[in-house]
N, C-alpha and C. Protein backbone atom coordinates (compact mmCIF):
# COMPACT_ATOMS: atom_id res chain seq x y z
N MET A 1 7.91 -72.03 -64.11
CA MET A 1 8.43 -71.29 -65.23
C MET A 1 9.95 -71.30 -65.15
N THR A 2 10.60 -71.81 -66.18
CA THR A 2 12.05 -71.87 -66.23
C THR A 2 12.60 -70.54 -66.73
N GLN A 3 13.64 -70.05 -66.06
CA GLN A 3 14.29 -68.81 -66.46
C GLN A 3 15.79 -68.98 -66.33
N ARG A 4 16.53 -68.24 -67.13
CA ARG A 4 17.96 -68.14 -66.99
C ARG A 4 18.37 -66.81 -67.60
N TRP A 5 19.51 -66.30 -67.20
CA TRP A 5 19.93 -65.00 -67.73
C TRP A 5 20.33 -65.18 -69.18
N ASP A 6 20.12 -64.13 -69.98
CA ASP A 6 20.55 -64.21 -71.37
C ASP A 6 21.58 -63.15 -71.72
N HIS A 7 21.60 -62.01 -71.00
CA HIS A 7 22.64 -61.03 -71.29
C HIS A 7 22.90 -60.12 -70.10
N LEU A 8 24.06 -59.51 -70.17
CA LEU A 8 24.51 -58.52 -69.20
C LEU A 8 25.12 -57.40 -70.02
N GLU A 9 24.74 -56.16 -69.73
CA GLU A 9 25.31 -55.02 -70.44
C GLU A 9 26.21 -54.26 -69.49
N LEU A 10 27.46 -54.07 -69.91
CA LEU A 10 28.44 -53.33 -69.12
C LEU A 10 28.80 -52.06 -69.88
N THR A 11 28.78 -50.93 -69.17
CA THR A 11 29.06 -49.65 -69.83
C THR A 11 30.43 -49.12 -69.42
N PHE A 12 31.08 -48.48 -70.41
CA PHE A 12 32.43 -47.96 -70.26
C PHE A 12 32.45 -46.49 -70.65
N PRO A 13 33.45 -45.74 -70.18
CA PRO A 13 33.57 -44.34 -70.61
C PRO A 13 33.81 -44.27 -72.13
N LYS A 14 33.33 -43.20 -72.72
CA LYS A 14 33.53 -43.00 -74.17
C LYS A 14 35.03 -42.99 -74.47
N GLY A 15 35.42 -43.68 -75.54
CA GLY A 15 36.81 -43.76 -75.96
C GLY A 15 37.58 -44.92 -75.36
N PHE A 16 36.98 -45.67 -74.43
CA PHE A 16 37.69 -46.76 -73.75
C PHE A 16 37.82 -48.01 -74.63
N LEU A 17 36.76 -48.35 -75.35
CA LEU A 17 36.75 -49.61 -76.08
C LEU A 17 37.43 -49.50 -77.45
N THR A 18 38.72 -49.19 -77.41
CA THR A 18 39.51 -49.12 -78.63
C THR A 18 39.73 -50.53 -79.18
N SER A 19 40.24 -50.63 -80.38
CA SER A 19 40.52 -51.96 -80.94
C SER A 19 41.56 -52.69 -80.09
N ALA A 20 42.54 -51.97 -79.54
CA ALA A 20 43.55 -52.61 -78.69
C ALA A 20 42.92 -53.12 -77.39
N THR A 21 42.03 -52.33 -76.80
CA THR A 21 41.36 -52.76 -75.56
C THR A 21 40.49 -53.98 -75.82
N ARG A 22 39.76 -53.95 -76.93
CA ARG A 22 38.91 -55.10 -77.29
C ARG A 22 39.77 -56.34 -77.50
N ALA A 23 40.94 -56.19 -78.10
CA ALA A 23 41.84 -57.33 -78.31
C ALA A 23 42.35 -57.87 -76.97
N ASP A 24 42.66 -56.98 -76.03
CA ASP A 24 43.09 -57.42 -74.69
C ASP A 24 41.96 -58.18 -74.00
N ILE A 25 40.76 -57.64 -74.06
CA ILE A 25 39.60 -58.30 -73.45
C ILE A 25 39.42 -59.69 -74.04
N ASP A 26 39.49 -59.79 -75.37
CA ASP A 26 39.31 -61.08 -76.03
C ASP A 26 40.42 -62.07 -75.68
N ALA A 27 41.67 -61.57 -75.58
CA ALA A 27 42.78 -62.47 -75.25
C ALA A 27 42.52 -63.18 -73.93
N PHE A 28 41.95 -62.45 -72.97
CA PHE A 28 41.69 -63.05 -71.66
C PHE A 28 40.41 -63.88 -71.66
N TRP A 29 39.27 -63.25 -71.91
CA TRP A 29 37.98 -63.93 -71.75
C TRP A 29 37.75 -65.00 -72.80
N CYS A 30 38.16 -64.76 -74.02
CA CYS A 30 38.01 -65.78 -75.06
C CYS A 30 39.13 -66.81 -74.98
N GLY A 31 40.35 -66.33 -74.72
CA GLY A 31 41.49 -67.23 -74.66
C GLY A 31 41.45 -68.18 -73.49
N ILE A 32 41.03 -67.73 -72.34
CA ILE A 32 41.01 -68.58 -71.14
C ILE A 32 39.68 -69.29 -70.97
N PHE A 33 38.58 -68.58 -71.12
CA PHE A 33 37.26 -69.14 -70.83
C PHE A 33 36.59 -69.76 -72.05
N GLY A 34 37.19 -69.57 -73.23
CA GLY A 34 36.65 -70.19 -74.43
C GLY A 34 35.45 -69.46 -75.02
N TRP A 35 35.23 -68.21 -74.61
CA TRP A 35 34.13 -67.44 -75.15
C TRP A 35 34.46 -67.01 -76.57
N THR A 36 33.47 -66.51 -77.28
CA THR A 36 33.69 -65.90 -78.58
C THR A 36 33.32 -64.43 -78.48
N SER A 37 33.77 -63.65 -79.46
CA SER A 37 33.43 -62.22 -79.45
C SER A 37 33.05 -61.78 -80.85
N SER A 38 32.33 -60.68 -80.91
CA SER A 38 31.94 -60.11 -82.19
C SER A 38 31.60 -58.64 -82.00
N GLU A 39 31.61 -57.93 -83.10
CA GLU A 39 31.26 -56.51 -83.09
C GLU A 39 29.83 -56.36 -83.59
N HIS A 40 29.09 -55.46 -82.97
CA HIS A 40 27.70 -55.23 -83.37
C HIS A 40 27.38 -53.75 -83.30
N LEU A 41 26.52 -53.33 -84.18
CA LEU A 41 26.00 -51.98 -84.15
C LEU A 41 24.62 -52.07 -83.49
N VAL A 42 24.48 -51.46 -82.30
CA VAL A 42 23.22 -51.51 -81.56
C VAL A 42 22.73 -50.08 -81.37
N TYR A 43 21.59 -49.77 -81.96
CA TYR A 43 21.02 -48.43 -81.90
C TYR A 43 22.05 -47.36 -82.28
N GLY A 44 22.85 -47.67 -83.30
CA GLY A 44 23.84 -46.73 -83.79
C GLY A 44 25.13 -46.68 -83.01
N HIS A 45 25.29 -47.55 -82.01
CA HIS A 45 26.51 -47.57 -81.18
C HIS A 45 27.32 -48.82 -81.49
N SER A 46 28.63 -48.65 -81.66
CA SER A 46 29.52 -49.78 -81.86
C SER A 46 29.69 -50.51 -80.52
N CYS A 47 29.32 -51.77 -80.49
CA CYS A 47 29.38 -52.56 -79.25
C CYS A 47 30.23 -53.80 -79.47
N HIS A 48 30.82 -54.28 -78.41
CA HIS A 48 31.61 -55.50 -78.42
C HIS A 48 30.85 -56.54 -77.62
N MET A 49 30.63 -57.71 -78.21
CA MET A 49 29.85 -58.74 -77.56
C MET A 49 30.73 -59.94 -77.22
N LEU A 50 30.65 -60.38 -75.97
CA LEU A 50 31.31 -61.60 -75.52
C LEU A 50 30.22 -62.66 -75.35
N ARG A 51 30.47 -63.85 -75.88
CA ARG A 51 29.46 -64.92 -75.79
C ARG A 51 30.05 -66.16 -75.11
N PRO A 52 29.61 -66.44 -73.89
CA PRO A 52 30.01 -67.69 -73.25
C PRO A 52 29.44 -68.91 -73.98
N ASP A 53 28.24 -68.79 -74.52
CA ASP A 53 27.64 -69.85 -75.32
C ASP A 53 26.69 -69.19 -76.31
N ASP A 54 25.92 -69.98 -77.01
CA ASP A 54 25.08 -69.40 -78.05
C ASP A 54 23.79 -68.77 -77.53
N GLY A 55 23.54 -68.80 -76.25
CA GLY A 55 22.31 -68.23 -75.72
C GLY A 55 22.53 -67.13 -74.71
N GLN A 56 23.77 -66.81 -74.40
CA GLN A 56 24.08 -65.79 -73.40
C GLN A 56 25.14 -64.86 -73.97
N PHE A 57 25.08 -63.59 -73.56
CA PHE A 57 26.13 -62.68 -74.01
C PHE A 57 26.31 -61.54 -73.02
N ILE A 58 27.49 -60.96 -73.09
CA ILE A 58 27.82 -59.77 -72.32
C ILE A 58 28.09 -58.69 -73.35
N LEU A 59 27.30 -57.63 -73.31
CA LEU A 59 27.44 -56.54 -74.26
C LEU A 59 28.26 -55.43 -73.64
N LEU A 60 29.36 -55.06 -74.29
CA LEU A 60 30.23 -53.99 -73.82
C LEU A 60 29.96 -52.77 -74.69
N VAL A 61 29.61 -51.65 -74.04
CA VAL A 61 29.22 -50.47 -74.79
C VAL A 61 29.75 -49.22 -74.09
N GLU A 62 30.15 -48.24 -74.88
CA GLU A 62 30.58 -46.95 -74.33
C GLU A 62 29.35 -46.10 -74.07
N SER A 63 29.39 -45.34 -72.97
CA SER A 63 28.21 -44.58 -72.57
C SER A 63 28.63 -43.36 -71.76
N ASP A 64 27.80 -42.32 -71.81
CA ASP A 64 28.01 -41.17 -70.93
C ASP A 64 27.77 -41.56 -69.48
N ASP A 65 27.04 -42.66 -69.28
CA ASP A 65 26.74 -43.14 -67.93
C ASP A 65 27.50 -44.45 -67.68
N ALA A 66 28.83 -44.36 -67.69
CA ALA A 66 29.67 -45.55 -67.55
C ALA A 66 29.62 -46.09 -66.12
N MET A 67 29.80 -47.39 -66.01
CA MET A 67 29.86 -48.04 -64.70
C MET A 67 31.14 -47.62 -63.98
N GLU A 68 31.09 -47.66 -62.67
CA GLU A 68 32.29 -47.44 -61.88
C GLU A 68 33.19 -48.66 -62.01
N PRO A 69 34.51 -48.48 -61.90
CA PRO A 69 35.40 -49.64 -61.94
C PRO A 69 35.06 -50.63 -60.81
N ALA A 70 35.37 -51.89 -61.05
CA ALA A 70 35.13 -52.92 -60.04
C ALA A 70 35.89 -52.57 -58.76
N PRO A 71 35.28 -52.76 -57.60
CA PRO A 71 35.96 -52.41 -56.36
C PRO A 71 37.13 -53.33 -56.05
N GLU A 72 38.06 -52.82 -55.27
CA GLU A 72 39.15 -53.66 -54.77
C GLU A 72 38.58 -54.57 -53.69
N ILE A 73 39.20 -55.73 -53.52
CA ILE A 73 38.83 -56.63 -52.43
C ILE A 73 39.95 -56.54 -51.41
N PRO A 74 39.65 -56.10 -50.20
CA PRO A 74 40.71 -55.98 -49.19
C PRO A 74 41.42 -57.31 -48.96
N GLU A 75 42.74 -57.26 -48.84
CA GLU A 75 43.53 -58.48 -48.61
C GLU A 75 43.09 -59.21 -47.35
N SER A 76 42.58 -58.46 -46.38
CA SER A 76 42.20 -59.07 -45.10
C SER A 76 40.86 -59.78 -45.16
N SER A 77 40.13 -59.64 -46.27
CA SER A 77 38.80 -60.26 -46.33
C SER A 77 38.91 -61.75 -46.60
N GLY A 78 37.93 -62.46 -46.09
CA GLY A 78 37.86 -63.90 -46.30
C GLY A 78 36.81 -64.25 -47.34
N PRO A 79 36.37 -65.50 -47.34
CA PRO A 79 35.39 -65.92 -48.34
C PRO A 79 34.01 -65.29 -48.14
N ASP A 80 33.82 -64.61 -47.02
CA ASP A 80 32.52 -63.99 -46.75
C ASP A 80 32.44 -62.56 -47.28
N VAL A 81 33.37 -62.17 -48.17
CA VAL A 81 33.34 -60.84 -48.76
C VAL A 81 32.16 -60.76 -49.73
N PHE A 82 31.47 -59.63 -49.73
CA PHE A 82 30.34 -59.45 -50.63
C PHE A 82 30.63 -58.28 -51.55
N ILE A 83 30.70 -58.55 -52.84
CA ILE A 83 30.94 -57.52 -53.86
C ILE A 83 30.02 -57.80 -55.04
N PRO A 84 29.71 -56.77 -55.84
CA PRO A 84 28.92 -57.03 -57.04
C PRO A 84 29.69 -57.98 -57.97
N HIS A 85 29.04 -59.03 -58.39
CA HIS A 85 29.68 -60.00 -59.27
C HIS A 85 28.63 -60.86 -59.96
N MET A 86 29.10 -61.65 -60.93
CA MET A 86 28.26 -62.66 -61.56
C MET A 86 28.98 -63.98 -61.43
N GLY A 87 28.23 -65.05 -61.18
CA GLY A 87 28.82 -66.37 -61.05
C GLY A 87 28.96 -67.07 -62.38
N ILE A 88 30.07 -67.76 -62.54
CA ILE A 88 30.29 -68.64 -63.68
C ILE A 88 30.40 -70.05 -63.10
N HIS A 89 29.40 -70.86 -63.35
CA HIS A 89 29.38 -72.21 -62.78
C HIS A 89 30.10 -73.19 -63.70
N CYS A 90 31.00 -73.96 -63.12
CA CYS A 90 31.72 -75.01 -63.85
C CYS A 90 31.17 -76.36 -63.41
N GLU A 91 31.23 -77.33 -64.31
CA GLU A 91 30.69 -78.66 -64.00
C GLU A 91 31.45 -79.36 -62.87
N THR A 92 32.79 -79.12 -62.79
CA THR A 92 33.58 -79.84 -61.79
C THR A 92 34.53 -78.89 -61.06
N ILE A 93 34.96 -79.33 -59.91
CA ILE A 93 35.95 -78.58 -59.14
C ILE A 93 37.28 -78.55 -59.90
N GLY A 94 37.60 -79.63 -60.60
CA GLY A 94 38.81 -79.67 -61.42
C GLY A 94 38.80 -78.61 -62.51
N ALA A 95 37.63 -78.35 -63.08
CA ALA A 95 37.54 -77.31 -64.11
C ALA A 95 37.82 -75.93 -63.52
N VAL A 96 37.36 -75.69 -62.30
CA VAL A 96 37.66 -74.42 -61.62
C VAL A 96 39.16 -74.29 -61.41
N ASP A 97 39.79 -75.35 -60.94
CA ASP A 97 41.24 -75.34 -60.72
C ASP A 97 42.01 -75.06 -62.01
N LYS A 98 41.59 -75.66 -63.11
CA LYS A 98 42.26 -75.43 -64.40
C LYS A 98 42.12 -73.98 -64.85
N LEU A 99 40.93 -73.40 -64.71
CA LEU A 99 40.73 -72.00 -65.09
C LEU A 99 41.55 -71.08 -64.20
N TYR A 100 41.62 -71.39 -62.92
CA TYR A 100 42.42 -70.56 -62.01
C TYR A 100 43.89 -70.59 -62.43
N ALA A 101 44.40 -71.76 -62.77
CA ALA A 101 45.79 -71.87 -63.20
C ALA A 101 46.04 -71.05 -64.46
N LYS A 102 45.10 -71.07 -65.40
CA LYS A 102 45.24 -70.28 -66.62
C LYS A 102 45.21 -68.78 -66.32
N CYS A 103 44.35 -68.38 -65.38
CA CYS A 103 44.29 -66.97 -64.98
C CYS A 103 45.60 -66.53 -64.33
N LEU A 104 46.17 -67.38 -63.48
CA LEU A 104 47.46 -67.07 -62.86
C LEU A 104 48.55 -66.90 -63.91
N GLU A 105 48.55 -67.79 -64.89
CA GLU A 105 49.55 -67.72 -65.95
C GLU A 105 49.41 -66.42 -66.75
N PHE A 106 48.18 -66.02 -67.04
CA PHE A 106 47.93 -64.78 -67.76
C PHE A 106 48.36 -63.58 -66.91
N GLN A 107 48.11 -63.66 -65.61
CA GLN A 107 48.45 -62.57 -64.68
C GLN A 107 49.97 -62.33 -64.65
N GLU A 108 50.76 -63.38 -64.85
CA GLU A 108 52.21 -63.21 -64.88
C GLU A 108 52.64 -62.28 -66.00
N LYS A 109 51.89 -62.29 -67.11
CA LYS A 109 52.19 -61.42 -68.26
C LYS A 109 51.46 -60.09 -68.19
N ASP A 110 50.31 -60.06 -67.51
CA ASP A 110 49.49 -58.86 -67.46
C ASP A 110 48.95 -58.65 -66.05
N PRO A 111 49.57 -57.75 -65.29
CA PRO A 111 49.18 -57.55 -63.89
C PRO A 111 47.81 -56.90 -63.70
N ARG A 112 47.13 -56.56 -64.78
CA ARG A 112 45.77 -56.03 -64.64
C ARG A 112 44.78 -57.10 -64.23
N VAL A 113 45.16 -58.38 -64.33
CA VAL A 113 44.30 -59.46 -63.87
C VAL A 113 44.27 -59.42 -62.34
N ARG A 114 43.07 -59.32 -61.80
CA ARG A 114 42.91 -59.36 -60.35
C ARG A 114 42.24 -60.67 -59.97
N LEU A 115 42.82 -61.36 -59.00
CA LEU A 115 42.34 -62.66 -58.58
C LEU A 115 42.21 -62.73 -57.06
N ARG A 116 41.26 -63.49 -56.61
CA ARG A 116 41.14 -63.84 -55.20
C ARG A 116 40.73 -65.30 -55.15
N ASP A 117 41.62 -66.14 -54.64
CA ASP A 117 41.40 -67.58 -54.61
C ASP A 117 40.81 -68.00 -53.27
N TYR A 118 39.89 -68.94 -53.31
CA TYR A 118 39.30 -69.49 -52.10
C TYR A 118 39.46 -71.01 -52.12
N PRO A 119 39.90 -71.59 -51.03
CA PRO A 119 40.14 -73.03 -51.01
C PRO A 119 38.84 -73.83 -51.04
N LEU A 120 38.99 -75.09 -51.32
CA LEU A 120 37.87 -76.02 -51.27
C LEU A 120 37.27 -75.97 -49.87
N GLU A 121 35.95 -75.83 -49.80
CA GLU A 121 35.26 -75.76 -48.51
C GLU A 121 34.08 -76.70 -48.50
N ARG A 122 33.82 -77.24 -47.33
CA ARG A 122 32.65 -78.09 -47.16
C ARG A 122 31.54 -77.26 -46.54
N HIS A 123 30.35 -77.38 -47.13
CA HIS A 123 29.14 -76.73 -46.61
C HIS A 123 28.09 -77.82 -46.48
N GLY A 124 28.03 -78.43 -45.31
CA GLY A 124 27.09 -79.54 -45.12
C GLY A 124 27.45 -80.69 -46.03
N SER A 125 26.51 -81.06 -46.91
CA SER A 125 26.72 -82.20 -47.81
C SER A 125 27.32 -81.79 -49.16
N LYS A 126 27.87 -80.57 -49.22
CA LYS A 126 28.40 -80.08 -50.49
C LYS A 126 29.85 -79.61 -50.34
N LEU A 127 30.62 -79.82 -51.42
CA LEU A 127 31.96 -79.26 -51.52
C LEU A 127 31.87 -78.09 -52.49
N ALA A 128 32.48 -76.97 -52.12
CA ALA A 128 32.46 -75.79 -52.98
C ALA A 128 33.88 -75.30 -53.21
N ARG A 129 34.12 -74.86 -54.44
CA ARG A 129 35.42 -74.32 -54.82
C ARG A 129 35.16 -73.10 -55.70
N ASN A 130 35.83 -72.00 -55.40
CA ASN A 130 35.64 -70.83 -56.25
C ASN A 130 36.84 -69.90 -56.20
N PHE A 131 36.89 -69.02 -57.18
CA PHE A 131 37.81 -67.90 -57.16
C PHE A 131 37.11 -66.72 -57.82
N LEU A 132 37.54 -65.52 -57.45
CA LEU A 132 37.03 -64.30 -58.06
C LEU A 132 38.06 -63.80 -59.06
N VAL A 133 37.59 -63.30 -60.20
CA VAL A 133 38.50 -62.77 -61.21
C VAL A 133 37.89 -61.50 -61.80
N GLN A 134 38.78 -60.54 -62.08
CA GLN A 134 38.36 -59.30 -62.73
C GLN A 134 39.46 -58.91 -63.69
N TYR A 135 39.07 -58.63 -64.95
CA TYR A 135 40.04 -58.19 -65.95
C TYR A 135 39.34 -57.31 -66.98
N MET A 136 39.70 -56.05 -67.01
CA MET A 136 39.28 -55.08 -68.01
C MET A 136 37.78 -54.77 -68.02
N LEU A 137 36.98 -55.51 -67.31
CA LEU A 137 35.55 -55.26 -67.23
C LEU A 137 35.24 -54.67 -65.86
N PRO A 138 34.24 -53.80 -65.75
CA PRO A 138 33.94 -53.16 -64.46
C PRO A 138 33.12 -54.06 -63.55
N PHE A 139 33.52 -55.31 -63.46
CA PHE A 139 32.68 -56.31 -62.79
C PHE A 139 33.56 -57.49 -62.42
N TRP A 140 33.31 -58.09 -61.28
CA TRP A 140 33.99 -59.31 -60.87
C TRP A 140 33.18 -60.51 -61.32
N PHE A 141 33.86 -61.63 -61.52
CA PHE A 141 33.20 -62.90 -61.81
C PHE A 141 33.65 -63.92 -60.77
N ASP A 142 32.69 -64.69 -60.27
CA ASP A 142 32.93 -65.74 -59.29
C ASP A 142 32.88 -67.07 -60.03
N VAL A 143 34.04 -67.64 -60.29
CA VAL A 143 34.13 -68.91 -61.00
C VAL A 143 34.02 -70.01 -59.96
N ASN A 144 33.01 -70.87 -60.09
CA ASN A 144 32.72 -71.79 -58.99
C ASN A 144 32.22 -73.14 -59.46
N SER A 145 32.29 -74.09 -58.54
CA SER A 145 31.66 -75.39 -58.71
C SER A 145 31.22 -75.86 -57.33
N VAL A 146 30.06 -76.44 -57.30
CA VAL A 146 29.53 -77.02 -56.06
C VAL A 146 29.16 -78.45 -56.38
N GLN A 147 29.71 -79.37 -55.60
CA GLN A 147 29.43 -80.78 -55.82
C GLN A 147 28.82 -81.39 -54.57
N ALA A 148 27.66 -82.00 -54.78
CA ALA A 148 26.95 -82.63 -53.67
C ALA A 148 27.50 -84.03 -53.41
N ASP A 149 27.49 -84.42 -52.14
CA ASP A 149 27.86 -85.78 -51.80
C ASP A 149 26.88 -86.75 -52.47
N PRO A 150 27.34 -87.96 -52.81
CA PRO A 150 26.42 -88.94 -53.41
C PRO A 150 25.17 -89.12 -52.55
N GLY A 151 24.03 -89.14 -53.22
CA GLY A 151 22.76 -89.31 -52.53
C GLY A 151 22.14 -88.02 -52.03
N THR A 152 22.87 -86.89 -52.14
CA THR A 152 22.33 -85.62 -51.64
C THR A 152 22.12 -84.61 -52.77
N GLU A 153 22.23 -85.07 -54.01
CA GLU A 153 22.05 -84.18 -55.15
C GLU A 153 20.63 -83.62 -55.16
N PRO A 154 20.48 -82.38 -55.63
CA PRO A 154 19.12 -81.84 -55.73
C PRO A 154 18.31 -82.63 -56.75
N PRO A 155 17.00 -82.65 -56.61
CA PRO A 155 16.18 -83.44 -57.54
C PRO A 155 16.20 -82.90 -58.97
N ARG A 156 16.50 -81.62 -59.13
CA ARG A 156 16.54 -81.02 -60.46
C ARG A 156 17.86 -80.28 -60.61
N ALA A 157 18.44 -80.35 -61.81
CA ALA A 157 19.69 -79.64 -62.09
C ALA A 157 19.67 -79.16 -63.52
N TRP A 158 20.21 -77.96 -63.74
CA TRP A 158 20.29 -77.42 -65.09
C TRP A 158 21.50 -78.01 -65.77
N ARG A 159 21.33 -78.44 -67.01
CA ARG A 159 22.43 -78.96 -67.82
C ARG A 159 22.31 -78.37 -69.22
N TYR A 160 23.43 -77.99 -69.79
CA TYR A 160 23.47 -77.50 -71.15
C TYR A 160 23.77 -78.69 -72.04
N VAL A 161 22.85 -79.04 -72.92
CA VAL A 161 23.02 -80.22 -73.78
C VAL A 161 22.82 -79.83 -75.23
N GLU A 162 23.34 -80.64 -76.12
CA GLU A 162 23.14 -80.43 -77.55
C GLU A 162 21.67 -80.64 -77.88
N ARG A 163 21.15 -79.76 -78.71
CA ARG A 163 19.76 -79.88 -79.13
C ARG A 163 19.65 -81.01 -80.13
N GLN A 164 18.65 -81.83 -79.95
CA GLN A 164 18.40 -82.92 -80.88
C GLN A 164 17.65 -82.39 -82.10
N ALA A 165 18.04 -82.85 -83.26
CA ALA A 165 17.35 -82.43 -84.47
C ALA A 165 15.92 -82.98 -84.44
N PRO A 166 14.96 -82.17 -84.85
CA PRO A 166 13.58 -82.67 -84.85
C PRO A 166 13.43 -83.82 -85.84
N ALA A 167 12.55 -84.72 -85.50
CA ALA A 167 12.28 -85.86 -86.39
C ALA A 167 11.64 -85.34 -87.68
N VAL A 168 12.07 -85.90 -88.78
CA VAL A 168 11.52 -85.53 -90.07
C VAL A 168 10.32 -86.42 -90.34
N PRO A 169 9.14 -85.81 -90.60
CA PRO A 169 7.96 -86.64 -90.87
C PRO A 169 8.17 -87.49 -92.13
N GLN A 170 7.72 -88.71 -92.07
CA GLN A 170 7.86 -89.64 -93.22
C GLN A 170 6.72 -89.46 -94.18
């Protein structure tokens, strides 16, 4: 049975998701990561939706039961730090590097961007590259890519591809 995540709901204190806050969130996540955003009324609540693609979304909603802010990562911690996060997988290590550079550039203008960079590491027959990023959301994201050495690729891999139009019966 094939499964993949389709949404994540993040809760904020009432009054937090102002139009200015939503614009800041969009400037970073949509501007750097290429996501889209939209406003939705869900069960009578005004929600802000971030969409990495057409099948996944992160719903931002104000609630009396708001999430705690994302924890700080101690400067002394290495790549073995464990914090609540979600992974964003990139096709290539170069794509991770490009996103990291864009995050650094944004951080120069807005110090609320929190980053933790990890160098390229070898794990057996795989090269891994990642960085952690947190901005305005009560959650960290691990932006990563893992590339297997030739001949050691897993037999199955998930790929996002364009859907082919169904054949029209003649």
